[in-house]
Amino acid sequence: MWPRVNGMRAMELGTPGELRASLNALVLAGRKTATTGLLSEYVTETEGLEFTGERLALLGDEGMYVATIEITGVEIAPFSDVTWEHAAAEGEGDRSLEDWRAVHTRFWESIGTPVEEDTPLVCLRFRVVERA
């Protein structure tokens, strides 16, 4: 199960350290309003999908509370069907959908979960409602 903070499920972006700090900074700056995860992680963690209106505790390293975010959209799509609109909303500076796919493929491979064109993903949209 994912951690809980103040009665909310928690979201931890990327991996601990520099990547997580960078992604959280993008969220707090309003540049990152979307993220993408592997549907298989929900199964492994026995977690249900987020839902529109749900509030989550955004965490930094070691469970540090950073902000509260509210889910504004949830979509399940195969890796090959993620849209440029969603990829651009991730705010990570990708110049094209092909760049986004390459970066995410490398990331998931680096943590031992390679993706294929038909790998189901969970595409989340969100907004910050409260900062730490």
N, C-alpha and C. Protein backbone atom coordinates (compact mmCIF):
# COMPACT_ATOMS: atom_id res chain seq x y z
N MET A 1 0.84 -1.19 0.00
CA MET A 1 0.00 0.00 0.00
C MET A 1 0.87 1.25 0.00
N TRP A 2 0.34 2.30 -0.59
CA TRP A 2 1.05 3.57 -0.59
C TRP A 2 0.89 4.25 0.76
N PRO A 3 1.84 5.09 1.11
CA PRO A 3 1.73 5.79 2.40
C PRO A 3 0.50 6.67 2.48
N ARG A 4 0.08 6.95 3.71
CA ARG A 4 -1.03 7.87 3.97
C ARG A 4 -0.49 9.01 4.82
N VAL A 5 -0.93 10.23 4.52
CA VAL A 5 -0.51 11.42 5.26
C VAL A 5 -1.75 12.26 5.51
N ASN A 6 -2.00 12.61 6.75
CA ASN A 6 -3.17 13.42 7.10
C ASN A 6 -4.45 12.85 6.51
N GLY A 7 -4.57 11.53 6.50
CA GLY A 7 -5.76 10.87 5.99
C GLY A 7 -5.84 10.78 4.47
N MET A 8 -4.83 11.28 3.77
CA MET A 8 -4.82 11.24 2.30
C MET A 8 -3.83 10.20 1.82
N ARG A 9 -4.12 9.63 0.65
CA ARG A 9 -3.09 8.82 0.00
C ARG A 9 -1.97 9.75 -0.42
N ALA A 10 -0.78 9.21 -0.51
CA ALA A 10 0.38 10.03 -0.87
C ALA A 10 0.80 9.76 -2.30
N MET A 11 1.41 10.79 -2.91
CA MET A 11 2.02 10.65 -4.22
C MET A 11 3.50 11.00 -4.09
N GLU A 12 4.33 10.11 -4.59
CA GLU A 12 5.77 10.33 -4.62
C GLU A 12 6.20 10.27 -6.07
N LEU A 13 6.64 11.39 -6.62
CA LEU A 13 7.02 11.47 -8.02
C LEU A 13 8.45 10.99 -8.23
N GLY A 14 8.68 10.28 -9.33
CA GLY A 14 10.03 9.85 -9.68
C GLY A 14 10.65 8.98 -8.62
N THR A 15 11.97 9.07 -8.53
CA THR A 15 12.72 8.33 -7.52
C THR A 15 13.31 9.33 -6.53
N PRO A 16 13.60 8.88 -5.30
CA PRO A 16 14.14 9.80 -4.30
C PRO A 16 15.41 10.50 -4.77
N GLY A 17 15.62 11.69 -4.23
CA GLY A 17 16.82 12.45 -4.54
C GLY A 17 16.55 13.57 -5.53
N GLU A 18 17.51 13.79 -6.40
CA GLU A 18 17.47 14.92 -7.33
C GLU A 18 16.24 14.90 -8.23
N LEU A 19 15.87 13.72 -8.75
CA LEU A 19 14.72 13.65 -9.66
C LEU A 19 13.44 14.06 -8.93
N ARG A 20 13.19 13.50 -7.75
CA ARG A 20 11.97 13.84 -7.01
C ARG A 20 11.94 15.33 -6.67
N ALA A 21 13.07 15.87 -6.24
CA ALA A 21 13.12 17.30 -5.89
C ALA A 21 12.81 18.16 -7.11
N SER A 22 13.34 17.79 -8.26
CA SER A 22 13.10 18.53 -9.49
C SER A 22 11.62 18.47 -9.90
N LEU A 23 11.04 17.29 -9.85
CA LEU A 23 9.63 17.13 -10.23
C LEU A 23 8.72 17.89 -9.27
N ASN A 24 9.00 17.81 -7.97
CA ASN A 24 8.18 18.55 -7.01
C ASN A 24 8.31 20.06 -7.22
N ALA A 25 9.49 20.54 -7.56
CA ALA A 25 9.67 21.97 -7.84
C ALA A 25 8.82 22.39 -9.04
N LEU A 26 8.74 21.54 -10.06
CA LEU A 26 7.91 21.84 -11.23
C LEU A 26 6.43 21.90 -10.84
N VAL A 27 6.01 21.00 -9.95
CA VAL A 27 4.61 21.03 -9.47
C VAL A 27 4.35 22.34 -8.74
N LEU A 28 5.22 22.69 -7.81
CA LEU A 28 5.01 23.90 -7.01
C LEU A 28 5.06 25.17 -7.86
N ALA A 29 5.82 25.13 -8.97
CA ALA A 29 5.90 26.28 -9.86
C ALA A 29 4.71 26.35 -10.82
N GLY A 30 3.86 25.32 -10.80
CA GLY A 30 2.69 25.30 -11.69
C GLY A 30 2.99 24.82 -13.08
N ARG A 31 4.20 24.35 -13.34
CA ARG A 31 4.58 23.88 -14.68
C ARG A 31 4.22 22.42 -14.90
N LYS A 32 4.13 21.64 -13.83
CA LYS A 32 3.80 20.21 -13.93
C LYS A 32 2.40 20.00 -13.37
N THR A 33 1.46 19.66 -14.26
CA THR A 33 0.08 19.44 -13.84
C THR A 33 -0.42 18.06 -14.25
N ALA A 34 0.53 17.17 -14.55
CA ALA A 34 0.18 15.80 -14.94
C ALA A 34 1.34 14.88 -14.60
N THR A 35 1.01 13.61 -14.47
CA THR A 35 2.02 12.58 -14.28
C THR A 35 1.48 11.28 -14.84
N THR A 36 2.37 10.34 -15.04
CA THR A 36 2.00 9.07 -15.64
C THR A 36 2.63 7.93 -14.85
N GLY A 37 1.83 6.91 -14.57
CA GLY A 37 2.33 5.75 -13.85
C GLY A 37 1.93 4.47 -14.55
N LEU A 38 2.53 3.40 -14.10
CA LEU A 38 2.23 2.08 -14.65
C LEU A 38 1.01 1.49 -13.94
N LEU A 39 0.03 1.04 -14.69
CA LEU A 39 -1.14 0.41 -14.09
C LEU A 39 -0.72 -0.78 -13.23
N SER A 40 0.31 -1.49 -13.63
CA SER A 40 0.78 -2.66 -12.88
C SER A 40 1.20 -2.30 -11.46
N GLU A 41 1.66 -1.06 -11.22
CA GLU A 41 2.04 -0.65 -9.87
C GLU A 41 0.82 -0.61 -8.94
N TYR A 42 -0.33 -0.25 -9.47
CA TYR A 42 -1.55 -0.23 -8.67
C TYR A 42 -1.92 -1.64 -8.24
N VAL A 43 -1.74 -2.60 -9.15
CA VAL A 43 -2.04 -4.00 -8.86
C VAL A 43 -1.07 -4.51 -7.80
N THR A 44 0.22 -4.26 -7.99
CA THR A 44 1.24 -4.71 -7.05
C THR A 44 0.99 -4.14 -5.66
N GLU A 45 0.64 -2.86 -5.59
CA GLU A 45 0.43 -2.18 -4.31
C GLU A 45 -0.99 -2.34 -3.76
N THR A 46 -1.83 -3.08 -4.49
CA THR A 46 -3.25 -3.26 -4.15
C THR A 46 -3.93 -1.92 -3.85
N GLU A 47 -3.73 -0.98 -4.77
CA GLU A 47 -4.33 0.36 -4.66
C GLU A 47 -5.35 0.55 -5.77
N GLY A 48 -6.43 1.24 -5.43
CA GLY A 48 -7.39 1.64 -6.46
C GLY A 48 -6.88 2.87 -7.18
N LEU A 49 -7.43 3.14 -8.33
CA LEU A 49 -7.05 4.33 -9.09
C LEU A 49 -7.49 5.58 -8.35
N GLU A 50 -6.77 6.66 -8.56
CA GLU A 50 -7.21 7.96 -8.07
C GLU A 50 -8.51 8.31 -8.79
N PHE A 51 -9.24 9.27 -8.25
CA PHE A 51 -10.49 9.70 -8.88
C PHE A 51 -10.55 11.22 -8.88
N THR A 52 -11.27 11.78 -9.83
CA THR A 52 -11.42 13.22 -9.93
C THR A 52 -11.97 13.77 -8.62
N GLY A 53 -11.30 14.78 -8.11
CA GLY A 53 -11.68 15.39 -6.85
C GLY A 53 -10.91 14.86 -5.65
N GLU A 54 -10.24 13.73 -5.81
CA GLU A 54 -9.46 13.18 -4.69
C GLU A 54 -8.26 14.08 -4.40
N ARG A 55 -7.97 14.26 -3.15
CA ARG A 55 -6.79 15.03 -2.74
C ARG A 55 -5.72 14.08 -2.24
N LEU A 56 -4.50 14.35 -2.67
CA LEU A 56 -3.35 13.53 -2.32
C LEU A 56 -2.28 14.39 -1.68
N ALA A 57 -1.51 13.78 -0.78
CA ALA A 57 -0.37 14.46 -0.19
C ALA A 57 0.83 14.22 -1.09
N LEU A 58 1.39 15.28 -1.65
CA LEU A 58 2.60 15.19 -2.45
C LEU A 58 3.78 15.15 -1.49
N LEU A 59 4.63 14.13 -1.65
CA LEU A 59 5.73 13.94 -0.72
C LEU A 59 7.09 14.13 -1.39
N GLY A 60 8.02 14.61 -0.60
CA GLY A 60 9.41 14.66 -0.99
C GLY A 60 10.11 13.43 -0.43
N ASP A 61 11.43 13.50 -0.33
CA ASP A 61 12.19 12.39 0.22
C ASP A 61 11.84 12.17 1.68
N GLU A 62 11.95 10.91 2.10
CA GLU A 62 11.71 10.51 3.49
C GLU A 62 10.33 10.91 3.99
N GLY A 63 9.34 10.93 3.09
CA GLY A 63 7.97 11.18 3.48
C GLY A 63 7.64 12.61 3.86
N MET A 64 8.52 13.55 3.50
CA MET A 64 8.29 14.96 3.83
C MET A 64 7.10 15.50 3.02
N TYR A 65 6.11 16.07 3.70
CA TYR A 65 4.93 16.65 3.06
C TYR A 65 5.35 17.92 2.31
N VAL A 66 4.99 18.01 1.04
CA VAL A 66 5.33 19.15 0.19
C VAL A 66 4.11 19.99 -0.14
N ALA A 67 3.01 19.31 -0.47
CA ALA A 67 1.79 20.02 -0.89
C ALA A 67 0.62 19.05 -0.92
N THR A 68 -0.57 19.61 -1.04
CA THR A 68 -1.77 18.82 -1.32
C THR A 68 -2.15 19.10 -2.75
N ILE A 69 -2.36 18.03 -3.51
CA ILE A 69 -2.82 18.18 -4.89
C ILE A 69 -4.22 17.57 -5.01
N GLU A 70 -4.98 18.08 -5.96
CA GLU A 70 -6.31 17.55 -6.24
C GLU A 70 -6.31 16.98 -7.64
N ILE A 71 -6.80 15.78 -7.78
CA ILE A 71 -6.87 15.11 -9.07
C ILE A 71 -7.98 15.76 -9.90
N THR A 72 -7.63 16.17 -11.13
CA THR A 72 -8.60 16.79 -12.03
C THR A 72 -8.94 15.91 -13.23
N GLY A 73 -8.22 14.82 -13.40
CA GLY A 73 -8.51 13.90 -14.49
C GLY A 73 -7.73 12.61 -14.35
N VAL A 74 -8.36 11.50 -14.75
CA VAL A 74 -7.73 10.18 -14.72
C VAL A 74 -8.08 9.47 -16.02
N GLU A 75 -7.06 8.91 -16.66
CA GLU A 75 -7.28 8.17 -17.90
C GLU A 75 -6.33 6.99 -17.93
N ILE A 76 -6.82 5.84 -18.37
CA ILE A 76 -5.96 4.69 -18.61
C ILE A 76 -5.76 4.60 -20.12
N ALA A 77 -4.50 4.49 -20.53
CA ALA A 77 -4.18 4.42 -21.96
C ALA A 77 -2.95 3.57 -22.15
N PRO A 78 -2.86 2.87 -23.27
CA PRO A 78 -1.61 2.17 -23.57
C PRO A 78 -0.51 3.20 -23.85
N PHE A 79 0.71 2.80 -23.60
CA PHE A 79 1.87 3.68 -23.80
C PHE A 79 1.81 4.37 -25.16
N SER A 80 1.45 3.64 -26.19
CA SER A 80 1.43 4.19 -27.55
C SER A 80 0.36 5.25 -27.76
N ASP A 81 -0.64 5.33 -26.87
CA ASP A 81 -1.76 6.26 -27.06
C ASP A 81 -1.71 7.50 -26.16
N VAL A 82 -0.64 7.65 -25.38
CA VAL A 82 -0.53 8.86 -24.56
C VAL A 82 -0.43 10.05 -25.51
N THR A 83 -1.19 11.10 -25.24
CA THR A 83 -1.25 12.25 -26.14
C THR A 83 -0.15 13.27 -25.83
N TRP A 84 0.13 14.10 -26.82
CA TRP A 84 1.08 15.18 -26.61
C TRP A 84 0.55 16.15 -25.55
N GLU A 85 -0.76 16.37 -25.53
CA GLU A 85 -1.34 17.26 -24.52
C GLU A 85 -0.98 16.78 -23.11
N HIS A 86 -1.12 15.49 -22.87
CA HIS A 86 -0.77 14.95 -21.56
C HIS A 86 0.73 15.05 -21.31
N ALA A 87 1.52 14.63 -22.28
CA ALA A 87 2.98 14.66 -22.12
C ALA A 87 3.46 16.08 -21.83
N ALA A 88 2.95 17.06 -22.55
CA ALA A 88 3.36 18.45 -22.35
C ALA A 88 2.94 18.94 -20.96
N ALA A 89 1.79 18.48 -20.46
CA ALA A 89 1.32 18.90 -19.13
C ALA A 89 2.22 18.35 -18.02
N GLU A 90 3.03 17.35 -18.33
CA GLU A 90 3.98 16.86 -17.33
C GLU A 90 5.06 17.90 -17.04
N GLY A 91 5.22 18.87 -17.94
CA GLY A 91 6.07 20.03 -17.65
C GLY A 91 7.54 19.78 -17.50
N GLU A 92 8.02 18.67 -18.05
CA GLU A 92 9.42 18.30 -17.85
C GLU A 92 10.34 18.73 -18.98
N GLY A 93 9.81 19.53 -19.91
CA GLY A 93 10.64 20.10 -20.96
C GLY A 93 10.81 19.26 -22.20
N ASP A 94 10.03 18.19 -22.33
CA ASP A 94 10.12 17.39 -23.55
C ASP A 94 9.69 18.23 -24.75
N ARG A 95 10.42 18.10 -25.83
CA ARG A 95 10.15 18.91 -27.04
C ARG A 95 9.14 18.27 -27.97
N SER A 96 8.89 16.98 -27.77
CA SER A 96 7.95 16.27 -28.63
C SER A 96 7.45 15.03 -27.91
N LEU A 97 6.44 14.42 -28.46
CA LEU A 97 5.92 13.18 -27.89
C LEU A 97 6.98 12.09 -27.97
N GLU A 98 7.77 12.10 -29.03
CA GLU A 98 8.84 11.11 -29.16
C GLU A 98 9.87 11.27 -28.04
N ASP A 99 10.21 12.52 -27.70
CA ASP A 99 11.13 12.76 -26.58
C ASP A 99 10.53 12.23 -25.29
N TRP A 100 9.26 12.54 -25.04
CA TRP A 100 8.59 12.08 -23.83
C TRP A 100 8.64 10.55 -23.75
N ARG A 101 8.34 9.90 -24.85
CA ARG A 101 8.35 8.43 -24.86
C ARG A 101 9.74 7.89 -24.57
N ALA A 102 10.76 8.49 -25.16
CA ALA A 102 12.14 8.02 -24.94
C ALA A 102 12.56 8.20 -23.48
N VAL A 103 12.26 9.36 -22.91
CA VAL A 103 12.62 9.64 -21.51
C VAL A 103 11.90 8.67 -20.57
N HIS A 104 10.62 8.46 -20.79
CA HIS A 104 9.85 7.58 -19.91
C HIS A 104 10.26 6.11 -20.10
N THR A 105 10.56 5.72 -21.31
CA THR A 105 11.05 4.36 -21.54
C THR A 105 12.34 4.13 -20.77
N ARG A 106 13.27 5.08 -20.85
CA ARG A 106 14.54 4.94 -20.11
C ARG A 106 14.30 4.90 -18.60
N PHE A 107 13.41 5.76 -18.11
CA PHE A 107 13.14 5.78 -16.68
C PHE A 107 12.59 4.44 -16.21
N TRP A 108 11.56 3.94 -16.87
CA TRP A 108 10.96 2.69 -16.43
C TRP A 108 11.93 1.53 -16.57
N GLU A 109 12.75 1.52 -17.62
CA GLU A 109 13.77 0.48 -17.75
C GLU A 109 14.77 0.57 -16.60
N SER A 110 15.13 1.79 -16.19
CA SER A 110 16.13 1.97 -15.13
C SER A 110 15.65 1.46 -13.78
N ILE A 111 14.32 1.40 -13.59
CA ILE A 111 13.80 0.88 -12.32
C ILE A 111 13.29 -0.55 -12.47
N GLY A 112 13.62 -1.17 -13.60
CA GLY A 112 13.31 -2.58 -13.78
C GLY A 112 11.92 -2.90 -14.28
N THR A 113 11.24 -1.92 -14.89
CA THR A 113 9.89 -2.17 -15.41
C THR A 113 9.78 -1.64 -16.84
N PRO A 114 10.42 -2.34 -17.78
CA PRO A 114 10.35 -1.88 -19.18
C PRO A 114 8.92 -1.85 -19.69
N VAL A 115 8.67 -0.94 -20.63
CA VAL A 115 7.33 -0.80 -21.21
C VAL A 115 7.34 -1.18 -22.68
N GLU A 116 6.20 -1.60 -23.14
CA GLU A 116 5.95 -1.90 -24.55
C GLU A 116 4.88 -0.94 -25.05
N GLU A 117 4.61 -0.95 -26.32
CA GLU A 117 3.59 -0.06 -26.89
C GLU A 117 2.21 -0.27 -26.26
N ASP A 118 1.92 -1.51 -25.85
CA ASP A 118 0.60 -1.80 -25.29
C ASP A 118 0.57 -1.80 -23.76
N THR A 119 1.64 -1.39 -23.10
CA THR A 119 1.66 -1.35 -21.63
C THR A 119 0.64 -0.34 -21.14
N PRO A 120 -0.29 -0.76 -20.27
CA PRO A 120 -1.30 0.18 -19.77
C PRO A 120 -0.71 1.17 -18.75
N LEU A 121 -1.01 2.43 -18.96
CA LEU A 121 -0.55 3.52 -18.10
C LEU A 121 -1.73 4.24 -17.49
N VAL A 122 -1.47 4.86 -16.34
CA VAL A 122 -2.46 5.71 -15.69
C VAL A 122 -1.99 7.15 -15.86
N CYS A 123 -2.77 7.93 -16.56
CA CYS A 123 -2.44 9.33 -16.83
C CYS A 123 -3.28 10.21 -15.90
N LEU A 124 -2.59 10.91 -15.01
CA LEU A 124 -3.26 11.75 -14.02
C LEU A 124 -3.05 13.22 -14.33
N ARG A 125 -4.09 14.01 -14.15
CA ARG A 125 -4.00 15.47 -14.18
C ARG A 125 -4.31 15.96 -12.78
N PHE A 126 -3.69 17.06 -12.37
CA PHE A 126 -3.88 17.55 -11.01
C PHE A 126 -3.59 19.04 -10.91
N ARG A 127 -3.95 19.60 -9.76
CA ARG A 127 -3.63 20.98 -9.45
C ARG A 127 -3.24 21.06 -7.98
N VAL A 128 -2.41 22.01 -7.65
CA VAL A 128 -2.00 22.23 -6.26
C VAL A 128 -3.11 23.01 -5.56
N VAL A 129 -3.51 22.52 -4.38
CA VAL A 129 -4.53 23.23 -3.61
C VAL A 129 -3.97 23.79 -2.30
N GLU A 130 -2.84 23.27 -1.85
CA GLU A 130 -2.22 23.76 -0.63
C GLU A 130 -0.74 23.41 -0.62
N ARG A 131 0.09 24.37 -0.22
CA ARG A 131 1.52 24.12 -0.10
C ARG A 131 1.88 23.92 1.36
N ALA A 132 2.96 23.20 1.58
CA ALA A 132 3.44 22.96 2.96
C ALA A 132 3.84 24.28 3.59
